[in-house]
Protein backbone atom coordinates (compact mmCIF):
# COMPACT_ATOMS: atom_id res chain seq x y z
CA MET A 1 71.46 -28.58 107.64
CA LYS A 2 72.71 -27.23 110.95
CA ILE A 3 76.18 -27.83 112.35
CA LEU A 4 74.81 -30.19 115.01
CA ASP A 5 73.10 -32.36 112.41
CA LYS A 6 76.24 -32.51 110.30
CA TYR A 7 78.35 -33.43 113.31
CA LEU A 8 76.01 -36.21 114.46
CA LEU A 9 75.56 -37.57 110.95
CA LYS A 10 79.30 -37.57 110.29
CA THR A 11 80.06 -39.28 113.63
CA PHE A 12 77.40 -41.93 113.05
CA LEU A 13 78.38 -42.59 109.41
CA ILE A 14 82.06 -43.13 110.28
CA THR A 15 81.15 -45.55 113.09
CA PHE A 16 78.51 -47.29 110.97
CA ALA A 17 80.85 -47.77 107.99
CA THR A 18 83.62 -49.15 110.21
CA VAL A 19 81.31 -51.57 112.03
CA PHE A 20 79.62 -52.66 108.78
CA VAL A 21 82.92 -53.50 107.07
CA ILE A 22 84.20 -55.46 110.09
CA LEU A 23 80.97 -57.45 110.52
CA PHE A 24 80.67 -58.05 106.78
CA PHE A 25 84.20 -59.47 106.72
CA ILE A 26 83.38 -61.74 109.68
CA PHE A 27 80.24 -63.08 107.99
CA ILE A 28 82.13 -63.62 104.73
CA LEU A 29 84.61 -65.78 106.64
CA GLN A 30 81.66 -67.71 108.03
CA THR A 31 80.39 -68.25 104.47
CA ILE A 32 83.80 -69.54 103.40
CA TRP A 33 83.78 -71.91 106.36
CA LEU A 34 80.31 -73.21 105.50
CA PHE A 35 81.24 -73.91 101.88
CA ILE A 36 84.89 -74.88 102.44
CA ALA A 37 84.13 -78.42 101.23
CA GLU A 38 83.05 -77.04 97.86
CA LEU A 39 86.05 -74.72 97.51
CA ALA A 40 89.00 -76.63 98.96
CA GLY A 41 90.87 -79.09 96.79
CA LYS A 42 88.61 -78.57 93.77
CA ASP A 43 91.16 -76.97 91.43
CA LEU A 44 89.11 -73.78 91.29
CA ASP A 45 91.02 -70.75 90.12
CA PHE A 46 90.96 -67.45 92.01
CA GLY A 47 88.40 -65.92 89.65
CA LEU A 48 85.83 -68.67 90.28
CA ILE A 49 86.29 -68.40 94.05
CA ILE A 50 85.76 -64.62 93.93
CA LYS A 51 82.67 -65.15 91.77
CA PHE A 52 81.39 -67.71 94.27
CA LEU A 53 81.83 -65.24 97.14
CA LEU A 54 80.32 -62.32 95.22
CA PHE A 55 77.14 -64.29 94.58
CA SER A 56 76.94 -65.27 98.26
CA MET A 57 77.56 -61.75 99.65
CA PRO A 58 74.08 -60.20 99.19
CA ARG A 59 72.44 -62.85 101.37
CA ILE A 60 74.63 -61.63 104.26
CA ILE A 61 73.24 -58.07 104.17
CA PRO A 62 69.98 -58.86 106.09
CA LEU A 63 72.14 -60.07 108.98
CA VAL A 64 74.89 -57.46 108.89
CA LEU A 65 72.83 -54.30 108.30
CA PRO A 66 70.55 -54.34 111.39
CA LEU A 67 73.43 -55.41 113.64
CA SER A 68 75.64 -52.64 112.25
CA ILE A 69 72.93 -50.02 112.85
CA LEU A 70 72.38 -51.28 116.39
CA LEU A 71 76.06 -51.30 117.33
CA ALA A 72 76.84 -47.98 115.60
CA SER A 73 73.88 -46.32 117.37
CA ILE A 74 74.96 -47.55 120.81
CA MET A 75 78.58 -46.54 120.21
CA THR A 76 77.76 -43.09 118.76
CA PHE A 77 75.26 -42.02 121.42
CA GLY A 78 77.27 -43.74 124.15
CA ASN A 79 80.32 -41.67 123.24
CA LEU A 80 78.26 -38.48 123.19
CA ALA A 81 76.84 -39.22 126.64
CA GLU A 82 80.18 -40.38 128.05
CA ASN A 83 81.92 -37.17 126.93
CA TYR A 84 79.08 -35.03 128.36
CA GLU A 85 78.19 -33.73 124.90
CA PHE A 86 74.55 -34.62 125.54
CA ALA A 87 74.67 -32.64 128.77
CA ALA A 88 75.90 -29.65 126.80
CA MET A 89 73.12 -30.11 124.23
CA LYS A 90 70.44 -30.36 126.90
CA SER A 91 71.76 -27.25 128.67
CA SER A 92 71.35 -25.47 125.32
CA GLY A 93 67.75 -26.66 125.06
CA ILE A 94 68.37 -29.45 122.55
CA SER A 95 66.45 -32.62 123.42
CA LEU A 96 67.31 -36.20 122.51
CA GLN A 97 64.55 -36.24 119.86
CA ARG A 98 66.05 -33.15 118.23
CA ALA A 99 69.52 -34.72 118.28
CA MET A 100 68.16 -37.89 116.67
CA ARG A 101 66.22 -36.10 113.92
CA SER A 102 68.85 -36.05 111.19
CA LEU A 103 69.89 -39.62 111.94
CA THR A 104 66.25 -40.75 111.91
CA LEU A 105 65.85 -39.38 108.39
CA PHE A 106 69.03 -41.18 107.34
CA ILE A 107 67.83 -44.48 108.85
CA LEU A 108 64.45 -44.12 107.11
CA LEU A 109 66.25 -43.61 103.80
CA LEU A 110 68.53 -46.58 104.56
CA SER A 111 65.53 -48.80 105.35
CA ILE A 112 63.97 -47.93 101.97
CA VAL A 113 67.24 -48.81 100.24
CA ALA A 114 67.35 -52.07 102.26
CA PHE A 115 63.87 -52.97 101.03
CA PHE A 116 64.76 -52.42 97.36
CA PHE A 117 68.01 -54.31 97.89
CA ALA A 118 66.15 -57.26 99.43
CA ASN A 119 63.52 -57.12 96.68
CA ASN A 120 65.81 -56.89 93.66
CA VAL A 121 69.47 -57.59 94.35
CA ILE A 122 69.19 -60.55 96.74
CA PRO A 123 66.80 -62.60 94.52
CA PHE A 124 69.07 -62.05 91.50
CA ALA A 125 72.20 -63.00 93.50
CA GLU A 126 70.44 -66.05 94.96
CA TYR A 127 69.50 -67.25 91.49
CA LYS A 128 73.07 -66.78 90.26
CA PHE A 129 74.55 -68.39 93.38
CA ILE A 130 72.53 -71.60 93.20
CA ASN A 131 72.99 -71.98 89.45
CA PHE A 132 76.70 -71.28 89.81
CA ARG A 133 77.01 -74.09 92.36
CA LYS A 134 75.04 -76.39 90.07
CA ASN A 135 77.06 -75.66 86.94
CA ILE A 136 80.52 -75.25 88.46
CA ALA A 137 81.26 -78.93 87.75
CA GLN A 138 80.66 -78.30 84.05
CA LEU A 139 82.98 -75.29 84.09
CA LYS A 140 85.62 -77.27 86.00
CA PRO A 141 84.96 -81.00 85.65
CA ALA A 142 88.10 -81.94 87.59
CA MET A 143 86.60 -80.36 90.71
CA ALA A 144 84.49 -83.51 91.09
CA ILE A 145 87.58 -85.50 92.06
CA THR A 146 90.07 -84.56 94.76
CA GLU A 147 93.63 -85.76 94.41
CA GLY A 148 94.83 -88.36 96.90
CA GLN A 149 91.49 -89.25 98.48
CA PHE A 150 88.21 -90.90 97.62
CA SER A 151 85.58 -88.54 96.20
CA ASP A 152 81.89 -89.39 96.20
CA VAL A 153 80.62 -88.76 92.65
CA GLY A 154 77.16 -90.11 91.93
CA TYR A 155 77.27 -93.90 91.98
CA TYR A 156 81.08 -94.00 92.22
CA ASN A 157 83.81 -93.43 94.81
CA ILE A 158 86.86 -92.29 92.86
CA LYS A 159 90.45 -91.85 93.96
CA VAL A 160 93.37 -90.65 91.80
CA ASN A 161 97.01 -90.45 92.81
CA LYS A 162 97.78 -87.47 90.62
CA LYS A 163 96.02 -84.97 88.37
CA SER A 164 97.71 -83.01 85.64
CA GLY A 165 96.90 -81.06 82.52
CA GLU A 166 95.63 -77.50 82.11
CA ASN A 167 92.30 -78.21 83.81
CA GLY A 168 93.40 -81.18 85.89
CA ASN A 169 91.65 -83.58 83.53
CA LYS A 170 94.61 -85.95 83.11
CA LEU A 171 94.46 -88.66 85.78
CA THR A 172 97.07 -91.16 87.00
CA GLY A 173 96.65 -94.12 89.37
CA ILE A 174 92.87 -94.45 89.32
CA THR A 175 90.85 -96.57 91.78
CA ILE A 176 87.05 -96.66 91.50
CA HIS A 177 84.52 -98.31 93.81
CA LYS A 178 81.13 -98.68 92.18
CA LYS A 179 78.20 -98.50 94.62
CA SER A 180 75.72 -101.36 94.62
CA MET A 181 72.20 -100.52 93.49
CA ASN A 182 70.85 -102.65 96.36
CA GLY A 183 72.58 -100.53 98.96
CA ASP A 184 74.72 -103.41 100.29
CA GLY A 185 78.10 -101.77 99.79
CA SER A 186 80.53 -101.80 96.90
CA LYS A 187 80.99 -105.07 95.02
CA THR A 188 82.80 -103.67 91.97
CA VAL A 189 86.32 -102.24 91.88
CA ILE A 190 87.94 -100.71 88.79
CA LYS A 191 91.66 -99.90 88.65
CA ALA A 192 93.44 -98.16 85.80
CA LYS A 193 96.94 -96.78 85.22
CA ASN A 194 95.74 -93.50 83.76
CA GLY A 195 92.71 -91.80 82.31
CA GLU A 196 91.13 -88.55 81.16
CA LEU A 197 88.08 -86.46 82.02
CA ILE A 198 86.05 -85.10 79.10
CA SER A 199 83.07 -82.79 79.50
CA SER A 200 81.16 -80.06 77.73
CA GLU A 201 79.37 -77.01 79.10
CA THR A 202 76.36 -77.93 77.00
CA SER A 203 76.21 -81.52 78.29
CA SER A 204 75.26 -82.84 81.72
CA VAL A 205 77.42 -85.96 81.28
CA LEU A 206 81.04 -86.20 82.45
CA GLN A 207 83.02 -88.88 80.61
CA MET A 208 85.91 -90.68 82.30
CA ILE A 209 88.06 -92.61 79.83
CA LEU A 210 90.26 -95.23 81.54
CA ASN A 211 93.33 -96.86 80.00
CA ASP A 212 95.12 -100.14 80.83
CA GLY A 213 93.19 -101.41 83.80
CA ASN A 214 91.30 -104.24 85.45
CA TYR A 215 87.68 -104.75 86.45
CA TYR A 216 86.90 -106.77 89.61
CA GLU A 217 83.41 -107.76 90.72
CA ASP A 218 82.29 -109.84 93.71
CA ILE A 219 79.65 -112.43 92.84
CA THR A 220 76.96 -113.41 95.31
CA PRO A 221 75.95 -117.07 94.69
CA LYS A 222 72.30 -117.99 94.93
CA LYS A 223 73.15 -120.92 97.21
CA PHE A 224 74.05 -119.78 100.71
CA SER A 225 76.58 -122.62 101.14
CA ASP A 226 78.60 -121.36 98.16
CA ARG A 227 79.02 -117.84 99.58
CA ASN A 228 81.90 -118.87 101.84
CA LYS A 229 84.00 -119.42 98.70
CA VAL A 230 83.72 -115.67 97.94
CA PRO A 231 83.80 -115.95 94.15
CA PHE A 232 84.61 -112.94 91.99
CA ALA A 233 85.04 -112.07 88.33
CA LYS A 234 88.07 -110.32 86.85
CA SER A 235 88.56 -108.79 83.42
CA SER A 236 91.15 -106.49 81.89
CA PHE A 237 90.69 -103.68 79.41
CA LYS A 238 92.75 -101.39 77.23
CA LYS A 239 90.13 -98.66 77.19
CA TYR A 240 87.00 -98.28 79.29
CA THR A 241 84.56 -95.36 79.37
CA ILE A 242 82.41 -94.37 82.36
CA ASN A 243 79.63 -91.82 81.96
CA ILE A 244 78.89 -89.81 85.11
CA ASP A 245 75.72 -87.76 85.43
CA LEU A 246 76.79 -84.29 86.59
CA SER A 247 73.40 -83.75 88.21
CA GLN A 248 74.54 -86.25 90.84
CA LEU A 249 77.30 -83.89 91.97
CA ASN A 250 76.34 -82.24 95.27
CA ASP A 251 72.97 -83.88 94.76
CA VAL A 252 71.65 -83.49 98.27
CA ASP A 253 72.88 -79.95 98.85
CA VAL A 254 71.98 -78.37 95.53
CA ASP A 255 68.64 -80.09 95.05
CA LYS A 256 67.53 -79.15 98.54
CA GLU A 257 68.42 -75.55 97.91
CA LYS A 258 66.40 -75.63 94.73
CA ILE A 259 63.32 -76.65 96.68
CA ALA A 260 63.87 -74.52 99.75
CA ASN A 261 65.20 -71.37 98.13
CA THR A 262 63.18 -70.85 94.97
CA ASN A 263 61.07 -68.41 96.97
CA THR A 264 64.17 -66.32 97.77
CA MET A 265 64.78 -65.82 94.04
CA LEU A 266 61.51 -63.89 93.57
CA THR A 267 60.60 -60.22 93.95
CA VAL A 268 57.48 -58.98 95.73
CA ASN A 269 55.44 -58.85 92.50
CA GLU A 270 56.62 -62.32 91.47
CA LEU A 271 55.84 -63.68 94.93
CA ASN A 272 52.32 -62.21 94.76
CA TYR A 273 51.71 -63.88 91.42
CA THR A 274 53.22 -67.20 92.56
CA LEU A 275 51.26 -67.20 95.82
CA ASP A 276 48.00 -66.61 93.97
CA SER A 277 48.71 -69.64 91.78
CA LEU A 278 49.79 -71.77 94.74
CA HIS A 279 46.66 -70.92 96.75
CA LYS A 280 44.37 -71.70 93.82
CA ASN A 281 46.16 -74.96 93.15
CA PHE A 282 45.98 -75.93 96.84
CA LYS A 283 42.26 -75.19 97.11
CA THR A 284 41.54 -77.07 93.86
CA GLU A 285 43.47 -80.09 95.08
CA VAL A 286 41.71 -80.11 98.45
CA ALA A 287 38.27 -79.85 96.80
CA SER A 288 39.14 -82.54 94.25
CA TYR A 289 40.45 -84.92 96.87
CA SER A 290 37.43 -84.33 99.14
CA GLU A 291 35.09 -85.13 96.28
CA ASN A 292 37.11 -88.22 95.39
CA ILE A 293 37.03 -89.52 98.98
CA ASN A 294 33.30 -88.83 99.20
CA LEU A 295 32.66 -90.87 96.06
CA ARG A 296 34.85 -93.71 97.30
CA THR A 297 32.92 -94.00 100.57
CA VAL A 298 29.57 -94.53 98.77
CA ILE A 299 28.52 -98.19 98.22
CA GLU A 300 28.67 -98.57 94.48
CA ASN A 301 27.90 -102.30 94.23
CA LYS A 302 24.33 -102.25 92.89
CA THR A 303 23.89 -105.96 93.52
CA TYR A 304 23.77 -105.37 97.27
CA ASN A 305 21.36 -102.45 96.87
CA ASP A 306 19.06 -104.48 94.60
CA VAL A 307 18.98 -107.34 97.10
CA ALA A 308 18.19 -104.93 99.92
CA ASN A 309 15.40 -103.31 97.88
CA LYS A 310 13.85 -106.69 97.05
CA GLU A 311 13.91 -107.66 100.71
CA LEU A 312 12.30 -104.33 101.63
CA VAL A 313 9.54 -104.77 99.06
CA LYS A 314 8.98 -108.31 100.19
CA LYS A 315 8.89 -107.60 103.92
CA ARG A 316 7.56 -104.00 103.55
CA LYS A 317 9.45 -102.65 106.52
CA THR A 318 12.38 -100.30 107.20
CA LEU A 319 16.01 -101.40 107.37
CA PRO A 320 16.92 -103.19 110.59
CA PRO A 321 19.69 -101.80 112.86
CA ASP A 322 21.94 -104.61 111.65
CA ILE A 323 21.86 -104.24 107.87
CA LEU A 324 24.01 -107.34 107.43
CA SER A 325 21.10 -109.46 108.65
CA LEU A 326 19.55 -108.99 105.20
CA TYR A 327 22.25 -111.20 103.67
CA ASP A 328 23.40 -114.74 104.10
CA ASN A 329 26.78 -115.61 105.62
CA LYS A 330 28.56 -115.78 102.27
CA LYS A 331 27.38 -112.30 101.29
CA LYS A 332 28.22 -110.98 104.77
CA SER A 333 31.79 -112.25 104.47
CA GLU A 334 32.15 -110.72 101.00
CA ILE A 335 30.76 -107.37 102.15
CA LEU A 336 33.07 -107.26 105.18
CA ARG A 337 36.15 -108.11 103.11
CA THR A 338 35.26 -105.41 100.58
CA ALA A 339 34.64 -102.85 103.35
CA SER A 340 37.92 -103.70 105.08
CA SER A 341 39.83 -103.41 101.81
CA ASN A 342 38.17 -100.08 101.00
CA LEU A 343 38.93 -98.69 104.46
CA SER A 344 42.60 -99.67 104.21
CA SER A 345 42.84 -98.18 100.73
CA ILE A 346 41.15 -94.95 101.82
CA GLY A 347 43.41 -94.78 104.90
CA TYR A 348 46.56 -95.07 102.77
CA SER A 349 45.16 -92.50 100.35
CA ILE A 350 44.40 -90.07 103.17
CA ASP A 351 47.89 -90.48 104.66
CA GLY A 352 49.54 -89.95 101.27
CA SER A 353 47.39 -86.94 100.46
CA LYS A 354 48.00 -85.50 103.91
CA ILE A 355 51.76 -85.59 103.37
CA ASN A 356 51.36 -84.11 99.90
CA LEU A 357 49.11 -81.29 101.13
CA GLN A 358 51.45 -80.57 104.06
CA ALA A 359 54.35 -80.22 101.60
CA LYS A 360 52.29 -77.85 99.44
CA GLN A 361 51.26 -75.83 102.50
CA LYS A 362 54.89 -75.64 103.61
CA ASN A 363 55.83 -74.36 100.16
CA ILE A 364 53.13 -71.68 100.43
CA ASN A 365 54.37 -70.74 103.91
CA ASN A 366 57.94 -70.42 102.63
CA HIS A 367 56.80 -68.07 99.88
CA LEU A 368 54.83 -65.99 102.38
CA LEU A 369 57.86 -65.80 104.68
CA ALA A 370 60.03 -64.66 101.77
CA PHE A 371 57.40 -62.01 100.98
CA TYR A 372 57.30 -60.65 104.55
CA ASP A 373 61.09 -60.84 104.96
CA LYS A 374 61.57 -58.05 102.45
CA PHE A 375 59.58 -55.72 104.70
CA VAL A 376 61.00 -57.08 107.97
CA ILE A 377 64.56 -56.09 107.05
CA ALA A 378 63.43 -52.49 106.39
CA PHE A 379 61.56 -52.30 109.69
CA ALA A 380 64.46 -53.99 111.55
CA CYS A 381 66.78 -51.14 110.52
CA ILE A 382 64.43 -48.56 112.07
CA MET A 383 63.77 -50.67 115.17
CA MET A 384 67.47 -51.33 115.84
CA PHE A 385 68.22 -47.61 115.63
CA PHE A 386 65.52 -46.76 118.17
CA ILE A 387 66.90 -49.47 120.46
CA GLY A 388 70.57 -48.55 120.04
CA ALA A 389 70.41 -44.74 120.17
CA PRO A 390 68.51 -44.39 123.48
CA LEU A 391 70.39 -47.36 124.96
CA GLY A 392 73.72 -45.66 124.24
CA ALA A 393 72.44 -42.44 125.81
CA ILE A 394 71.35 -44.36 128.93
CA ILE A 395 74.43 -46.54 129.53
CA ARG A 396 76.79 -43.64 128.66
CA LYS A 397 79.52 -45.91 127.38
CA GLY A 398 81.14 -45.76 123.96
CA GLY A 399 83.93 -47.74 122.37
CA LEU A 400 83.95 -51.49 121.79
CA GLY A 401 83.36 -52.76 125.32
CA LEU A 402 79.90 -52.59 126.87
CA PRO A 403 78.16 -51.57 123.59
CA ILE A 404 79.26 -54.80 121.90
CA ILE A 405 77.87 -56.87 124.79
CA PHE A 406 74.48 -55.15 124.60
CA ALA A 407 74.42 -55.27 120.79
CA VAL A 408 75.28 -58.97 120.63
CA LEU A 409 72.69 -59.89 123.29
CA ILE A 410 69.92 -57.92 121.55
CA PHE A 411 70.82 -59.17 118.09
CA ILE A 412 71.08 -62.81 119.20
CA SER A 413 67.63 -62.47 120.76
CA PHE A 414 66.32 -60.92 117.53
CA HIS A 415 67.90 -63.58 115.33
CA PHE A 416 66.77 -66.45 117.58
CA MET A 417 63.17 -65.23 117.66
CA ASN A 418 63.24 -64.61 113.92
CA THR A 419 64.55 -68.13 113.20
CA PHE A 420 62.18 -69.76 115.69
CA GLY A 421 59.18 -67.90 114.25
CA LYS A 422 60.05 -68.90 110.69
CA ARG A 423 60.60 -72.56 111.57
CA PHE A 424 57.32 -72.67 113.46
CA ALA A 425 55.49 -70.96 110.60
CA GLN A 426 56.98 -73.35 108.02
CA GLU A 427 55.38 -76.27 109.86
CA ASN A 428 52.06 -74.39 109.97
CA GLY A 429 52.29 -73.97 113.75
CA ILE A 430 51.55 -70.25 113.44
CA SER A 431 50.68 -67.98 110.55
CA PRO A 432 53.61 -66.96 108.30
CA PHE A 433 52.83 -63.29 109.04
CA LEU A 434 53.29 -63.81 112.77
CA GLY A 435 56.34 -66.02 112.21
CA ALA A 436 58.10 -63.42 110.08
CA TRP A 437 57.20 -60.47 112.34
CA MET A 438 57.52 -62.23 115.71
CA SER A 439 60.93 -60.76 116.57
CA SER A 440 59.83 -57.28 115.52
CA PHE A 441 56.62 -57.47 117.58
CA ILE A 442 58.59 -58.54 120.67
CA LEU A 443 61.43 -55.99 120.39
CA THR A 444 59.38 -52.96 119.28
CA PRO A 445 58.05 -52.37 122.85
CA LEU A 446 61.69 -52.43 124.03
CA ALA A 447 62.53 -49.70 121.50
CA ILE A 448 59.57 -47.60 122.70
CA LEU A 449 60.49 -48.13 126.37
CA LEU A 450 64.16 -47.21 125.87
CA THR A 451 63.29 -44.13 123.85
CA TYR A 452 60.84 -43.01 126.57
CA ARG A 453 63.33 -43.56 129.39
CA ALA A 454 66.19 -41.86 127.54
CA THR A 455 63.98 -38.88 126.64
CA ASN A 456 62.91 -38.41 130.25
CA ASP A 457 66.41 -38.97 131.70
CA ILE A 458 65.38 -42.19 133.44
CA GLY A 459 68.06 -44.83 133.88
CA LEU A 460 67.97 -48.25 132.32
CA ILE A 461 66.99 -49.88 135.62
CA ASN A 462 65.79 -48.11 138.74
CA MET A 463 68.12 -49.72 141.24
CA ASP A 464 66.16 -48.33 144.21
CA ILE A 465 63.33 -50.74 143.41
CA ILE A 466 65.75 -53.65 143.86
CA LEU A 467 68.02 -52.25 146.59
CA ALA A 468 65.36 -50.71 148.87
CA PRO A 469 63.75 -54.04 149.93
CA LEU A 470 67.20 -55.59 150.38
CA GLN A 471 68.30 -52.64 152.51
CA LYS A 472 65.21 -52.91 154.73
CA THR A 473 65.74 -56.66 155.15
CA LEU A 474 69.38 -56.13 156.15
CA GLN A 475 68.39 -53.44 158.65
CA LYS A 476 65.86 -55.78 160.32
CA ILE A 477 68.42 -58.59 160.50
CA THR A 478 71.01 -56.19 161.97
CA GLN A 479 68.54 -54.87 164.58
CA LYS A 480 67.56 -58.40 165.67
CA PHE A 481 71.22 -59.43 165.89
CA THR A 482 72.07 -56.32 167.99
CA THR A 483 69.07 -56.88 170.32
CA ASN A 484 69.95 -60.54 170.91
CA LYS A 485 73.55 -59.63 171.60
CA LYS A 486 72.55 -57.02 174.25
CA GLN A 487 70.31 -59.53 175.98
């Protein structure tokens, strides 16, 4: 390796490592902010919080890595151009392509590593992360209840004045509002002086044992006139046990992630196998439903057919345009009622099956997007380098000023197009392939254009194209103004 290659590689690696660490730290803070509700006030020790963050870190890499390459490329080549090092290279006969050769090899190697990271490490971390969030309540049952405020736990809103004990399982000053199954608010209140939380890692049930308390329940009379009296029942207890299903903890968040993110837990080979099964299942269900609908639309009541056949034999002529004329009014009414009922039933069946098939198609699209994403991140690393390196050579600015502005604008555009394409593909608006690669397809021409202009020493924008017409217009206005003034 020549001295020039070592110098460029060393300069780029130092800048890249610095930028990567800074951006990674920023995105980690964003992750903490997103999940602050699950971490704050849950009596989690430092080890569990670190474990939580470690499992969430790999998912940040697809965002941080391309942005780091883009910014490091702009800063490195911008510094070289700003300090006239490129001018010295070109005077020695070294072109931009030659200067980029060693870094191009490094970026290609980095993109391969990014692919294997996305294919192996991220799925494993995603699996651990989601299961950790699901089971954290069993590891720390007291996390379900926050001291001094009401906590929503399954069918209960629970407030405790103080928690104590090694794991915070000793409770004092307990107030519980039990949610109504009818969705009309809370009609049951339980108060107890103290209590205890008991759970097991092998059980999905959290037991809350209450001591010395009262049970209040509002009663809704059947007669509307008696409701103004607002009757209620009260009972006291020495010991009362409430069983809480731990699967209800973070029910919406965790369950949704299970459905939406199972595809992110799979490698390329596993996705191929899963997609094959999903496609076969989808086609089988469509064929089965089509056959079922076809059978349901056929008139199966042989009585009507027999009557029609007898009339045909008797009259020896073809069916009239109005087939109902073969029957009397009673039969007509019965046939119309049956047809209307069948149409309504088939309509409901079609609507239900449509929703079901759309959900299955969305699941297939999500798996396809996860499959393509593993290749997109590798290509994004290469593309961002071929955008950043020539852009830095053109703008001739290093440091953290102008390069950050360009990098942020380009990356926001990339991320927006990537998100938009995926959302559109999930709803079957476009193919998952196009949705996953949309941002790459749009920005690749920019990379080619910048590389071409930087190689041929052409500026980012030819200002003469913009300024020349303006200059001519100003000259004409000035000439007219001067002529009118002389007259």
